[in-house]
């Protein structure tokens, strides 16, 4: 789906193995993953670590991977990335479909390249599902079928989404119990798997997953003061709307495939589109984006706190003191600094 991994230099990486293949490596090859709520300074911390530890940054945000989504996605401007290569940014056309399984395959390609060049992988983003898919793996399910999905969507429109959930209760009671009746997207995927695999989704998931092997994972969590975080979120949202979010949304809405651009439903873009269509005022769009982003930050913290083996750091990632504490923690864990060679065997 994507081309060979590139850094921000634009040069092609060395030849890579088939998708999903991870070559045998020393089990202690380090990998850093930074987690935390939006506006916590994760990107700033990733840049600081990459510069000090000879690393390269790998995105795990589901919106930043798309072209044309810059201001609202909070991408670090190219001029501010310095000499640090970034991977899995601006890799997809806006209307392309990209799943957690696709992300895992592409991230594995990048890991193969970084390991071959003895660079420290530093993962940063906000989509916990993507990171979990990479580290813990996904169940081996059938590929998506647009034909099946279209028929299921039509059923939902004709008979209501509750009908789809009742159908799932008959085909896969365990999945139906776990999936909320209003979560049409997950219901459709569960039904799709039942139809294609002729087995319940829950049965396939029970077989287990293939975890990422050959790496020592260092998960770092940022936990800033809640009141200060919400202040930052409010200011960030105001800056996004003042800094070009409406222009980005307008350009995306003008595309002939605009109805198929899923990231336009992301926070900020959804409200910007509503303002452009006259469905709400600009002030209301900003206010709603602030409220929804604060709620999203709270959900992110809840998600990441369920992760195991995660070292939490109080404060923001752009705080030099926090950066120093993180560097000390990684040094104590055996992650070598710049000028020291990572094992590639």
C-alpha atoms as a PDB file:
ATOM      1  CA  UNK A   1       0.000   0.000   0.000  1.00  0.00           C
ATOM      2  CA  UNK A   2       2.777   2.352   0.867  1.00  0.00           C
ATOM      3  CA  UNK A   3       6.158   2.792  -0.726  1.00  0.00           C
ATOM      4  CA  UNK A   4       9.397   1.736   0.957  1.00  0.00           C
ATOM      5  CA  UNK A   5      10.121   3.544   4.209  1.00  0.00           C
ATOM      6  CA  UNK A   6      11.657   7.001   3.842  1.00  0.00           C
ATOM      7  CA  UNK A   7      12.932   9.515   6.310  1.00  0.00           C
ATOM      8  CA  UNK A   8      12.355  13.231   5.815  1.00  0.00           C
ATOM      9  CA  UNK A   9      15.349  13.209   3.470  1.00  0.00           C
ATOM     10  CA  UNK A  10      13.163  11.510   0.865  1.00  0.00           C
ATOM     11  CA  UNK A  11      15.785   8.828   0.120  1.00  0.00           C
ATOM     12  CA  UNK A  12      14.605   5.280  -0.328  1.00  0.00           C
ATOM     13  CA  UNK A  13      15.505   2.947   2.499  1.00  0.00           C
ATOM     14  CA  UNK A  14      17.375  -0.317   1.820  1.00  0.00           C
ATOM     15  CA  UNK A  15      15.433  -3.225   0.350  1.00  0.00           C
ATOM     16  CA  UNK A  16      12.922  -4.496   2.889  1.00  0.00           C
ATOM     17  CA  UNK A  17      11.416  -7.929   3.506  1.00  0.00           C
ATOM     18  CA  UNK A  18       7.833  -8.881   2.791  1.00  0.00           C
ATOM     19  CA  UNK A  19       5.130  -7.105   4.819  1.00  0.00           C
ATOM     20  CA  UNK A  20       4.838  -8.334   8.374  1.00  0.00           C
ATOM     21  CA  UNK A  21       8.195 -10.120   8.376  1.00  0.00           C
ATOM     22  CA  UNK A  22      10.562  -9.272  11.223  1.00  0.00           C
ATOM     23  CA  UNK A  23      14.035 -10.744  10.770  1.00  0.00           C
ATOM     24  CA  UNK A  24      15.713 -12.423  13.779  1.00  0.00           C
ATOM     25  CA  UNK A  25      17.431  -9.879  16.007  1.00  0.00           C
ATOM     26  CA  UNK A  26      18.957  -9.664  19.455  1.00  0.00           C
ATOM     27  CA  UNK A  27      16.087  -9.794  21.953  1.00  0.00           C
ATOM     28  CA  UNK A  28      17.355  -6.695  23.720  1.00  0.00           C
ATOM     29  CA  UNK A  29      17.215  -4.281  20.779  1.00  0.00           C
ATOM     30  CA  UNK A  30      15.565  -1.174  22.281  1.00  0.00           C
ATOM     31  CA  UNK A  31      12.351   0.463  21.107  1.00  0.00           C
ATOM     32  CA  UNK A  32      10.903   3.573  22.771  1.00  0.00           C
ATOM     33  CA  UNK A  33       7.175   4.365  22.745  1.00  0.00           C
ATOM     34  CA  UNK A  34       5.880   7.663  24.141  1.00  0.00           C
ATOM     35  CA  UNK A  35       2.247   7.794  25.243  1.00  0.00           C
ATOM     36  CA  UNK A  36      -0.016  10.292  26.932  1.00  0.00           C
ATOM     37  CA  UNK A  37      -2.880  12.687  26.272  1.00  0.00           C
ATOM     38  CA  UNK A  38      -3.029  15.156  23.412  1.00  0.00           C
ATOM     39  CA  UNK A  39      -1.179  18.441  24.063  1.00  0.00           C
ATOM     40  CA  UNK A  40       1.111  16.780  26.640  1.00  0.00           C
ATOM     41  CA  UNK A  41       4.259  17.520  24.618  1.00  0.00           C
ATOM     42  CA  UNK A  42       4.861  14.011  23.294  1.00  0.00           C
ATOM     43  CA  UNK A  43       6.333  15.226  19.986  1.00  0.00           C
ATOM     44  CA  UNK A  44       8.711  17.617  21.756  1.00  0.00           C
ATOM     45  CA  UNK A  45       9.948  14.795  23.970  1.00  0.00           C
ATOM     46  CA  UNK A  46      10.369  12.496  20.971  1.00  0.00           C
ATOM     47  CA  UNK A  47      12.497  15.108  19.182  1.00  0.00           C
ATOM     48  CA  UNK A  48      14.668  15.644  22.265  1.00  0.00           C
ATOM     49  CA  UNK A  49      15.227  11.907  22.659  1.00  0.00           C
ATOM     50  CA  UNK A  50      15.948  11.385  18.961  1.00  0.00           C
ATOM     51  CA  UNK A  51      18.595  14.118  18.977  1.00  0.00           C
ATOM     52  CA  UNK A  52      20.303  12.771  22.103  1.00  0.00           C
ATOM     53  CA  UNK A  53      19.987   9.044  21.386  1.00  0.00           C
ATOM     54  CA  UNK A  54      20.537   8.916  17.613  1.00  0.00           C
ATOM     55  CA  UNK A  55      16.940   7.930  17.028  1.00  0.00           C
ATOM     56  CA  UNK A  56      14.297   8.356  14.361  1.00  0.00           C
ATOM     57  CA  UNK A  57      10.635   9.093  14.991  1.00  0.00           C
ATOM     58  CA  UNK A  58       7.802   6.793  13.922  1.00  0.00           C
ATOM     59  CA  UNK A  59       4.272   8.175  13.963  1.00  0.00           C
ATOM     60  CA  UNK A  60       1.366   6.166  15.383  1.00  0.00           C
ATOM     61  CA  UNK A  61      -1.374   8.774  14.946  1.00  0.00           C
ATOM     62  CA  UNK A  62      -4.205   7.768  12.609  1.00  0.00           C
ATOM     63  CA  UNK A  63      -4.737  11.298  11.218  1.00  0.00           C
ATOM     64  CA  UNK A  64      -1.131  12.416  10.819  1.00  0.00           C
ATOM     65  CA  UNK A  65      -0.495   9.563   8.417  1.00  0.00           C
ATOM     66  CA  UNK A  66      -2.676  11.360   5.838  1.00  0.00           C
ATOM     67  CA  UNK A  67      -1.573  14.115   3.466  1.00  0.00           C
ATOM     68  CA  UNK A  68      -3.347  17.434   3.816  1.00  0.00           C
ATOM     69  CA  UNK A  69      -4.069  17.026   7.527  1.00  0.00           C
ATOM     70  CA  UNK A  70      -1.436  19.240   9.115  1.00  0.00           C
ATOM     71  CA  UNK A  71      -2.736  22.039  11.329  1.00  0.00           C
ATOM     72  CA  UNK A  72      -5.637  20.132  12.844  1.00  0.00           C
ATOM     73  CA  UNK A  73      -3.547  16.980  13.340  1.00  0.00           C
ATOM     74  CA  UNK A  74      -0.846  18.864  15.219  1.00  0.00           C
ATOM     75  CA  UNK A  75       1.986  17.732  12.954  1.00  0.00           C
ATOM     76  CA  UNK A  76       5.392  19.147  13.840  1.00  0.00           C
ATOM     77  CA  UNK A  77       6.277  21.497  10.946  1.00  0.00           C
ATOM     78  CA  UNK A  78       9.097  20.230   8.733  1.00  0.00           C
ATOM     79  CA  UNK A  79      11.255  23.222   9.675  1.00  0.00           C
ATOM     80  CA  UNK A  80      11.027  22.247  13.352  1.00  0.00           C
ATOM     81  CA  UNK A  81      11.978  18.594  12.841  1.00  0.00           C
ATOM     82  CA  UNK A  82      15.634  19.474  12.399  1.00  0.00           C
ATOM     83  CA  UNK A  83      17.726  16.602  11.127  1.00  0.00           C
ATOM     84  CA  UNK A  84      15.533  13.929  12.725  1.00  0.00           C
ATOM     85  CA  UNK A  85      13.846  11.678  10.139  1.00  0.00           C
ATOM     86  CA  UNK A  86      10.124  11.058  10.655  1.00  0.00           C
ATOM     87  CA  UNK A  87       8.318   7.970   9.381  1.00  0.00           C
ATOM     88  CA  UNK A  88       4.661   7.211   8.591  1.00  0.00           C
ATOM     89  CA  UNK A  89       3.707  10.859   8.194  1.00  0.00           C
ATOM     90  CA  UNK A  90       1.927  12.176   5.073  1.00  0.00           C
ATOM     91  CA  UNK A  91       1.956   8.727   3.516  1.00  0.00           C
ATOM     92  CA  UNK A  92      -1.663   8.360   2.380  1.00  0.00           C
ATOM     93  CA  UNK A  93      -4.074  10.178   0.114  1.00  0.00           C
ATOM     94  CA  UNK A  94      -6.976  11.608   2.162  1.00  0.00           C
ATOM     95  CA  UNK A  95      -9.580   9.084   0.980  1.00  0.00           C
ATOM     96  CA  UNK A  96      -7.414   5.969   1.303  1.00  0.00           C
ATOM     97  CA  UNK A  97      -8.591   3.307   3.728  1.00  0.00           C
ATOM     98  CA  UNK A  98      -6.020   2.375   6.357  1.00  0.00           C
ATOM     99  CA  UNK A  99      -6.577  -0.089   9.200  1.00  0.00           C
ATOM    100  CA  UNK A 100      -4.706  -1.060  12.342  1.00  0.00           C
ATOM    101  CA  UNK A 101      -3.507  -4.138  10.472  1.00  0.00           C
ATOM    102  CA  UNK A 102      -2.147  -1.943   7.677  1.00  0.00           C
ATOM    103  CA  UNK A 103      -0.388   0.181  10.278  1.00  0.00           C
ATOM    104  CA  UNK A 104       1.279  -2.845  11.838  1.00  0.00           C
ATOM    105  CA  UNK A 105       2.612  -4.037   8.488  1.00  0.00           C
ATOM    106  CA  UNK A 106       4.035  -0.627   7.610  1.00  0.00           C
ATOM    107  CA  UNK A 107       5.512  -0.088  11.090  1.00  0.00           C
ATOM    108  CA  UNK A 108       7.255  -3.451  10.848  1.00  0.00           C
ATOM    109  CA  UNK A 109       8.826  -2.344   7.572  1.00  0.00           C
ATOM    110  CA  UNK A 110      10.109   0.803   9.238  1.00  0.00           C
ATOM    111  CA  UNK A 111      11.475  -1.177  12.189  1.00  0.00           C
ATOM    112  CA  UNK A 112      13.381  -3.456   9.848  1.00  0.00           C
ATOM    113  CA  UNK A 113      14.976  -0.433   8.174  1.00  0.00           C
ATOM    114  CA  UNK A 114      15.853   1.342  11.444  1.00  0.00           C
ATOM    115  CA  UNK A 115      17.364  -1.781  12.933  1.00  0.00           C
ATOM    116  CA  UNK A 116      19.460  -2.378   9.835  1.00  0.00           C
ATOM    117  CA  UNK A 117      20.880   1.150  10.213  1.00  0.00           C
ATOM    118  CA  UNK A 118      21.300   0.841  14.001  1.00  0.00           C
ATOM    119  CA  UNK A 119      18.881   3.690  14.736  1.00  0.00           C
ATOM    120  CA  UNK A 120      16.713   3.892  17.844  1.00  0.00           C
ATOM    121  CA  UNK A 121      12.986   3.656  16.977  1.00  0.00           C
ATOM    122  CA  UNK A 122      10.966   6.273  18.890  1.00  0.00           C
ATOM    123  CA  UNK A 123       7.214   5.873  18.451  1.00  0.00           C
ATOM    124  CA  UNK A 124       4.996   8.860  19.169  1.00  0.00           C
ATOM    125  CA  UNK A 125       1.333   9.590  18.451  1.00  0.00           C
ATOM    126  CA  UNK A 126      -2.116   9.425  19.918  1.00  0.00           C
ATOM    127  CA  UNK A 127      -3.829   6.348  18.477  1.00  0.00           C
ATOM    128  CA  UNK A 128      -3.452   3.715  21.163  1.00  0.00           C
ATOM    129  CA  UNK A 129      -4.983   1.063  18.916  1.00  0.00           C
ATOM    130  CA  UNK A 130      -2.152   1.444  16.402  1.00  0.00           C
ATOM    131  CA  UNK A 131       0.535   1.081  19.062  1.00  0.00           C
ATOM    132  CA  UNK A 132      -1.224  -1.893  20.618  1.00  0.00           C
ATOM    133  CA  UNK A 133      -1.564  -3.519  17.193  1.00  0.00           C
ATOM    134  CA  UNK A 134       2.189  -3.216  16.669  1.00  0.00           C
ATOM    135  CA  UNK A 135       3.310  -4.374  20.101  1.00  0.00           C
ATOM    136  CA  UNK A 136       0.666  -6.995  20.914  1.00  0.00           C
ATOM    137  CA  UNK A 137      -0.399  -8.007  17.416  1.00  0.00           C
ATOM    138  CA  UNK A 138      -3.836  -8.509  15.878  1.00  0.00           C
ATOM    139  CA  UNK A 139      -5.898 -11.616  15.337  1.00  0.00           C
ATOM    140  CA  UNK A 140      -5.571 -13.186  11.901  1.00  0.00           C
ATOM    141  CA  UNK A 141      -8.898 -12.241  10.335  1.00  0.00           C
ATOM    142  CA  UNK A 142     -10.039 -12.061   6.712  1.00  0.00           C
ATOM    143  CA  UNK A 143      -9.349  -8.869   4.737  1.00  0.00           C
ATOM    144  CA  UNK A 144     -12.118  -6.289   4.497  1.00  0.00           C
ATOM    145  CA  UNK A 145     -14.762  -6.684   1.811  1.00  0.00           C
ATOM    146  CA  UNK A 146     -16.303  -3.479   0.514  1.00  0.00           C
ATOM    147  CA  UNK A 147     -19.096  -5.459  -1.119  1.00  0.00           C
ATOM    148  CA  UNK A 148     -20.139  -7.005   2.205  1.00  0.00           C
ATOM    149  CA  UNK A 149     -19.776  -3.674   3.979  1.00  0.00           C
ATOM    150  CA  UNK A 150     -21.975  -1.873   1.478  1.00  0.00           C
ATOM    151  CA  UNK A 151     -24.727  -4.462   1.915  1.00  0.00           C
ATOM    152  CA  UNK A 152     -24.475  -4.224   5.714  1.00  0.00           C
ATOM    153  CA  UNK A 153     -24.551  -0.413   5.619  1.00  0.00           C
ATOM    154  CA  UNK A 154     -27.644  -0.571   3.407  1.00  0.00           C
ATOM    155  CA  UNK A 155     -29.268  -2.912   5.926  1.00  0.00           C
ATOM    156  CA  UNK A 156     -28.481  -0.466   8.714  1.00  0.00           C
ATOM    157  CA  UNK A 157     -30.079   2.385   6.761  1.00  0.00           C
ATOM    158  CA  UNK A 158     -33.174   0.360   5.864  1.00  0.00           C
ATOM    159  CA  UNK A 159     -33.825  -1.404   9.177  1.00  0.00           C
ATOM    160  CA  UNK A 160     -31.730   0.529  11.721  1.00  0.00           C
ATOM    161  CA  UNK A 161     -28.377  -0.199  13.293  1.00  0.00           C
ATOM    162  CA  UNK A 162     -30.098  -2.067  16.124  1.00  0.00           C
ATOM    163  CA  UNK A 163     -31.058  -4.699  13.548  1.00  0.00           C
ATOM    164  CA  UNK A 164     -27.372  -5.289  12.776  1.00  0.00           C
ATOM    165  CA  UNK A 165     -26.659  -5.748  16.467  1.00  0.00           C
ATOM    166  CA  UNK A 166     -29.505  -8.291  16.761  1.00  0.00           C
ATOM    167  CA  UNK A 167     -28.016 -10.112  13.775  1.00  0.00           C
ATOM    168  CA  UNK A 168     -24.625 -10.158  15.486  1.00  0.00           C
ATOM    169  CA  UNK A 169     -26.236 -11.571  18.645  1.00  0.00           C
ATOM    170  CA  UNK A 170     -27.323 -14.573  16.593  1.00  0.00           C
ATOM    171  CA  UNK A 171     -24.004 -15.092  14.798  1.00  0.00           C
ATOM    172  CA  UNK A 172     -21.551 -14.166  17.544  1.00  0.00           C
ATOM    173  CA  UNK A 173     -23.133 -13.631  20.992  1.00  0.00           C
ATOM    174  CA  UNK A 174     -19.769 -13.010  22.667  1.00  0.00           C
ATOM    175  CA  UNK A 175     -18.877 -10.196  20.267  1.00  0.00           C
ATOM    176  CA  UNK A 176     -22.384  -8.724  20.529  1.00  0.00           C
ATOM    177  CA  UNK A 177     -22.071  -8.565  24.300  1.00  0.00           C
ATOM    178  CA  UNK A 178     -18.772  -6.653  23.995  1.00  0.00           C
ATOM    179  CA  UNK A 179     -19.770  -4.256  21.180  1.00  0.00           C
ATOM    180  CA  UNK A 180     -22.215  -1.450  21.917  1.00  0.00           C
ATOM    181  CA  UNK A 181     -25.393  -1.414  19.736  1.00  0.00           C
ATOM    182  CA  UNK A 182     -24.559   2.131  18.564  1.00  0.00           C
ATOM    183  CA  UNK A 183     -21.034   1.211  17.371  1.00  0.00           C
ATOM    184  CA  UNK A 184     -22.044   0.447  13.798  1.00  0.00           C
ATOM    185  CA  UNK A 185     -18.478   0.331  12.468  1.00  0.00           C
ATOM    186  CA  UNK A 186     -17.397  -2.428  14.859  1.00  0.00           C
ATOM    187  CA  UNK A 187     -20.652  -4.326  14.353  1.00  0.00           C
ATOM    188  CA  UNK A 188     -20.158  -4.300  10.587  1.00  0.00           C
ATOM    189  CA  UNK A 189     -16.577  -5.581  10.949  1.00  0.00           C
ATOM    190  CA  UNK A 190     -17.713  -8.371  13.279  1.00  0.00           C
ATOM    191  CA  UNK A 191     -20.459  -9.422  10.864  1.00  0.00           C
ATOM    192  CA  UNK A 192     -18.053  -9.169   7.944  1.00  0.00           C
ATOM    193  CA  UNK A 193     -15.655 -11.568   9.674  1.00  0.00           C
ATOM    194  CA  UNK A 194     -18.491 -13.994  10.425  1.00  0.00           C
ATOM    195  CA  UNK A 195     -19.576 -13.995   6.795  1.00  0.00           C
ATOM    196  CA  UNK A 196     -16.100 -14.286   5.269  1.00  0.00           C
ATOM    197  CA  UNK A 197     -14.420 -16.651   7.738  1.00  0.00           C
ATOM    198  CA  UNK A 198     -17.595 -18.618   8.493  1.00  0.00           C
ATOM    199  CA  UNK A 199     -16.506 -18.427  12.116  1.00  0.00           C
ATOM    200  CA  UNK A 200     -17.352 -15.949  14.872  1.00  0.00           C
ATOM    201  CA  UNK A 201     -15.010 -13.008  15.363  1.00  0.00           C
ATOM    202  CA  UNK A 202     -14.711 -13.917  19.056  1.00  0.00           C
ATOM    203  CA  UNK A 203     -13.519 -17.434  18.163  1.00  0.00           C
ATOM    204  CA  UNK A 204     -10.790 -16.076  15.885  1.00  0.00           C
ATOM    205  CA  UNK A 205      -9.674 -13.572  18.515  1.00  0.00           C
ATOM    206  CA  UNK A 206      -9.465 -16.349  21.121  1.00  0.00           C
ATOM    207  CA  UNK A 207      -6.698 -18.023  19.126  1.00  0.00           C
ATOM    208  CA  UNK A 208      -4.276 -15.399  20.381  1.00  0.00           C
ATOM    209  CA  UNK A 209      -2.111 -12.772  18.757  1.00  0.00           C
ATOM    210  CA  UNK A 210       1.447 -12.607  17.481  1.00  0.00           C
ATOM    211  CA  UNK A 211       3.335 -10.130  19.652  1.00  0.00           C
ATOM    212  CA  UNK A 212       6.264  -8.081  18.426  1.00  0.00           C
ATOM    213  CA  UNK A 213       9.381 -10.164  19.039  1.00  0.00           C
ATOM    214  CA  UNK A 214      13.053  -9.272  19.251  1.00  0.00           C
ATOM    215  CA  UNK A 215      12.684  -5.896  20.966  1.00  0.00           C
ATOM    216  CA  UNK A 216      12.933  -4.566  24.496  1.00  0.00           C
ATOM    217  CA  UNK A 217      10.077  -2.087  24.759  1.00  0.00           C
ATOM    218  CA  UNK A 218      10.490   1.086  26.809  1.00  0.00           C
ATOM    219  CA  UNK A 219       7.056   2.673  27.235  1.00  0.00           C
ATOM    220  CA  UNK A 220       7.112   6.219  28.594  1.00  0.00           C
ATOM    221  CA  UNK A 221       3.944   7.975  29.726  1.00  0.00           C
ATOM    222  CA  UNK A 222       3.413  11.703  30.185  1.00  0.00           C
ATOM    223  CA  UNK A 223       0.971  12.673  32.921  1.00  0.00           C
ATOM    224  CA  UNK A 224       0.754  16.480  33.155  1.00  0.00           C
ATOM    225  CA  UNK A 225      -1.341  18.399  35.650  1.00  0.00           C
ATOM    226  CA  UNK A 226      -4.957  18.150  34.473  1.00  0.00           C
ATOM    227  CA  UNK A 227      -5.805  21.859  34.828  1.00  0.00           C
ATOM    228  CA  UNK A 228      -2.673  22.953  32.961  1.00  0.00           C
ATOM    229  CA  UNK A 229      -3.313  20.330  30.284  1.00  0.00           C
ATOM    230  CA  UNK A 230      -6.834  21.637  29.701  1.00  0.00           C
ATOM    231  CA  UNK A 231      -5.468  25.181  29.432  1.00  0.00           C
ATOM    232  CA  UNK A 232      -3.023  23.992  26.791  1.00  0.00           C
ATOM    233  CA  UNK A 233      -5.778  22.198  24.908  1.00  0.00           C
ATOM    234  CA  UNK A 234      -7.903  25.344  24.855  1.00  0.00           C
ATOM    235  CA  UNK A 235      -5.015  27.439  23.554  1.00  0.00           C
ATOM    236  CA  UNK A 236      -4.023  24.816  21.005  1.00  0.00           C
ATOM    237  CA  UNK A 237      -7.537  24.665  19.579  1.00  0.00           C
ATOM    238  CA  UNK A 238      -7.697  28.457  19.311  1.00  0.00           C
ATOM    239  CA  UNK A 239      -4.326  28.420  17.572  1.00  0.00           C
ATOM    240  CA  UNK A 240      -5.451  25.725  15.135  1.00  0.00           C
ATOM    241  CA  UNK A 241      -8.496  27.686  14.017  1.00  0.00           C
ATOM    242  CA  UNK A 242      -6.453  30.884  13.754  1.00  0.00           C
ATOM    243  CA  UNK A 243      -3.582  29.116  12.011  1.00  0.00           C
ATOM    244  CA  UNK A 244      -5.237  27.569   8.973  1.00  0.00           C
ATOM    245  CA  UNK A 245      -7.556  24.748  10.073  1.00  0.00           C
ATOM    246  CA  UNK A 246     -10.512  26.244   8.214  1.00  0.00           C
ATOM    247  CA  UNK A 247      -8.433  26.543   5.040  1.00  0.00           C
ATOM    248  CA  UNK A 248      -7.347  22.908   5.342  1.00  0.00           C
ATOM    249  CA  UNK A 249     -10.914  21.752   5.851  1.00  0.00           C
ATOM    250  CA  UNK A 250     -12.149  23.901   2.947  1.00  0.00           C
ATOM    251  CA  UNK A 251      -9.556  22.397   0.591  1.00  0.00           C
ATOM    252  CA  UNK A 252     -10.453  18.862   1.631  1.00  0.00           C
ATOM    253  CA  UNK A 253     -14.192  19.481   1.256  1.00  0.00           C
ATOM    254  CA  UNK A 254     -13.569  20.761  -2.258  1.00  0.00           C
ATOM    255  CA  UNK A 255     -12.123  17.418  -3.377  1.00  0.00           C
ATOM    256  CA  UNK A 256     -14.388  15.230  -5.520  1.00  0.00           C
ATOM    257  CA  UNK A 257     -13.862  12.355  -3.077  1.00  0.00           C
ATOM    258  CA  UNK A 258     -14.643  14.442   0.011  1.00  0.00           C
ATOM    259  CA  UNK A 259     -17.485  12.143   1.110  1.00  0.00           C
ATOM    260  CA  UNK A 260     -14.984   9.288   1.374  1.00  0.00           C
ATOM    261  CA  UNK A 261     -12.403  11.146   3.474  1.00  0.00           C
ATOM    262  CA  UNK A 262     -12.759   9.522   6.894  1.00  0.00           C
ATOM    263  CA  UNK A 263     -10.253  11.788   8.733  1.00  0.00           C
ATOM    264  CA  UNK A 264     -12.617  14.731   8.166  1.00  0.00           C
ATOM    265  CA  UNK A 265     -14.571  13.232  11.063  1.00  0.00           C
ATOM    266  CA  UNK A 266     -11.582  13.719  13.373  1.00  0.00           C
ATOM    267  CA  UNK A 267     -11.661  16.258  16.189  1.00  0.00           C
ATOM    268  CA  UNK A 268     -11.298  19.802  14.930  1.00  0.00           C
ATOM    269  CA  UNK A 269     -11.914  18.907  11.294  1.00  0.00           C
ATOM    270  CA  UNK A 270     -15.479  17.819  11.995  1.00  0.00           C
ATOM    271  CA  UNK A 271     -16.246  21.091  13.747  1.00  0.00           C
ATOM    272  CA  UNK A 272     -14.415  23.157  11.118  1.00  0.00           C
ATOM    273  CA  UNK A 273     -16.476  21.520   8.355  1.00  0.00           C
ATOM    274  CA  UNK A 274     -19.677  22.235  10.268  1.00  0.00           C
ATOM    275  CA  UNK A 275     -18.692  25.910  10.550  1.00  0.00           C
ATOM    276  CA  UNK A 276     -17.904  26.095   6.834  1.00  0.00           C
ATOM    277  CA  UNK A 277     -21.304  24.596   6.010  1.00  0.00           C
ATOM    278  CA  UNK A 278     -23.012  27.165   8.220  1.00  0.00           C
ATOM    279  CA  UNK A 279     -24.206  24.565  10.710  1.00  0.00           C
ATOM    280  CA  UNK A 280     -22.584  26.424  13.616  1.00  0.00           C
ATOM    281  CA  UNK A 281     -20.714  29.659  14.214  1.00  0.00           C
ATOM    282  CA  UNK A 282     -16.919  29.807  14.321  1.00  0.00           C
ATOM    283  CA  UNK A 283     -17.047  30.561  18.046  1.00  0.00           C
ATOM    284  CA  UNK A 284     -19.246  27.524  18.639  1.00  0.00           C
ATOM    285  CA  UNK A 285     -16.940  25.327  16.529  1.00  0.00           C
ATOM    286  CA  UNK A 286     -13.970  26.381  18.656  1.00  0.00           C
ATOM    287  CA  UNK A 287     -15.870  25.846  21.892  1.00  0.00           C
ATOM    288  CA  UNK A 288     -17.079  22.381  20.899  1.00  0.00           C
ATOM    289  CA  UNK A 289     -13.620  21.352  19.717  1.00  0.00           C
ATOM    290  CA  UNK A 290     -12.157  22.401  23.047  1.00  0.00           C
ATOM    291  CA  UNK A 291     -14.745  20.423  24.994  1.00  0.00           C
ATOM    292  CA  UNK A 292     -14.405  17.304  22.843  1.00  0.00           C
ATOM    293  CA  UNK A 293     -10.606  17.450  22.890  1.00  0.00           C
ATOM    294  CA  UNK A 294     -10.547  17.649  26.684  1.00  0.00           C
ATOM    295  CA  UNK A 295     -12.798  14.602  26.814  1.00  0.00           C
ATOM    296  CA  UNK A 296     -10.577  12.840  24.304  1.00  0.00           C
ATOM    297  CA  UNK A 297      -7.489  13.558  26.432  1.00  0.00           C
ATOM    298  CA  UNK A 298      -9.238  11.975  29.413  1.00  0.00           C
ATOM    299  CA  UNK A 299     -10.067   8.862  27.355  1.00  0.00           C
ATOM    300  CA  UNK A 300      -6.463   8.633  26.163  1.00  0.00           C
ATOM    301  CA  UNK A 301      -5.211   8.641  29.750  1.00  0.00           C
ATOM    302  CA  UNK A 302      -7.717   5.926  30.644  1.00  0.00           C
ATOM    303  CA  UNK A 303      -6.599   3.826  27.663  1.00  0.00           C
ATOM    304  CA  UNK A 304      -2.876   4.135  28.340  1.00  0.00           C
ATOM    305  CA  UNK A 305      -3.224   3.542  32.084  1.00  0.00           C
ATOM    306  CA  UNK A 306      -4.459   0.070  31.229  1.00  0.00           C
ATOM    307  CA  UNK A 307      -1.091  -0.660  29.583  1.00  0.00           C
ATOM    308  CA  UNK A 308       1.498  -2.704  31.478  1.00  0.00           C
ATOM    309  CA  UNK A 309       5.202  -1.967  32.014  1.00  0.00           C
ATOM    310  CA  UNK A 310       4.779   1.759  31.484  1.00  0.00           C
ATOM    311  CA  UNK A 311       6.962   4.360  33.244  1.00  0.00           C
ATOM    312  CA  UNK A 312       4.950   7.509  34.011  1.00  0.00           C
ATOM    313  CA  UNK A 313       6.472  10.986  34.227  1.00  0.00           C
ATOM    314  CA  UNK A 314       4.664  13.905  35.821  1.00  0.00           C
ATOM    315  CA  UNK A 315       4.752  17.013  33.630  1.00  0.00           C
ATOM    316  CA  UNK A 316       4.922  18.008  29.969  1.00  0.00           C
ATOM    317  CA  UNK A 317       7.265  16.565  27.376  1.00  0.00           C
ATOM    318  CA  UNK A 318       8.645  19.952  26.370  1.00  0.00           C
ATOM    319  CA  UNK A 319       9.861  20.581  29.928  1.00  0.00           C
ATOM    320  CA  UNK A 320      13.690  20.197  30.011  1.00  0.00           C
ATOM    321  CA  UNK A 321      13.482  18.707  33.509  1.00  0.00           C
ATOM    322  CA  UNK A 322      11.072  16.018  32.316  1.00  0.00           C
ATOM    323  CA  UNK A 323      13.325  15.325  29.333  1.00  0.00           C
ATOM    324  CA  UNK A 324      16.321  14.924  31.663  1.00  0.00           C
ATOM    325  CA  UNK A 325      14.417  12.493  33.873  1.00  0.00           C
ATOM    326  CA  UNK A 326      13.382  10.440  30.851  1.00  0.00           C
ATOM    327  CA  UNK A 327      16.950  10.348  29.528  1.00  0.00           C
ATOM    328  CA  UNK A 328      18.243   9.184  32.911  1.00  0.00           C
ATOM    329  CA  UNK A 329      15.594   6.470  33.045  1.00  0.00           C
ATOM    330  CA  UNK A 330      16.511   5.206  29.586  1.00  0.00           C
ATOM    331  CA  UNK A 331      20.236   5.300  30.377  1.00  0.00           C
ATOM    332  CA  UNK A 332      19.637   3.250  33.522  1.00  0.00           C
ATOM    333  CA  UNK A 333      17.663   0.781  31.393  1.00  0.00           C
ATOM    334  CA  UNK A 334      20.643   0.358  29.068  1.00  0.00           C
ATOM    335  CA  UNK A 335      19.538   2.436  26.077  1.00  0.00           C
ATOM    336  CA  UNK A 336      22.789   3.774  24.552  1.00  0.00           C
ATOM    337  CA  UNK A 337      23.219   7.465  23.749  1.00  0.00           C
ATOM    338  CA  UNK A 338      24.463   9.079  20.540  1.00  0.00           C
ATOM    339  CA  UNK A 339      27.851   7.774  19.506  1.00  0.00           C
ATOM    340  CA  UNK A 340      27.272   4.341  21.069  1.00  0.00           C
ATOM    341  CA  UNK A 341      26.408   1.497  18.754  1.00  0.00           C
ATOM    342  CA  UNK A 342      23.115  -0.399  18.914  1.00  0.00           C
ATOM    343  CA  UNK A 343      23.366  -4.107  18.231  1.00  0.00           C
ATOM    344  CA  UNK A 344      21.876  -5.051  14.849  1.00  0.00           C
ATOM    345  CA  UNK A 345      22.492  -8.780  15.038  1.00  0.00           C
END
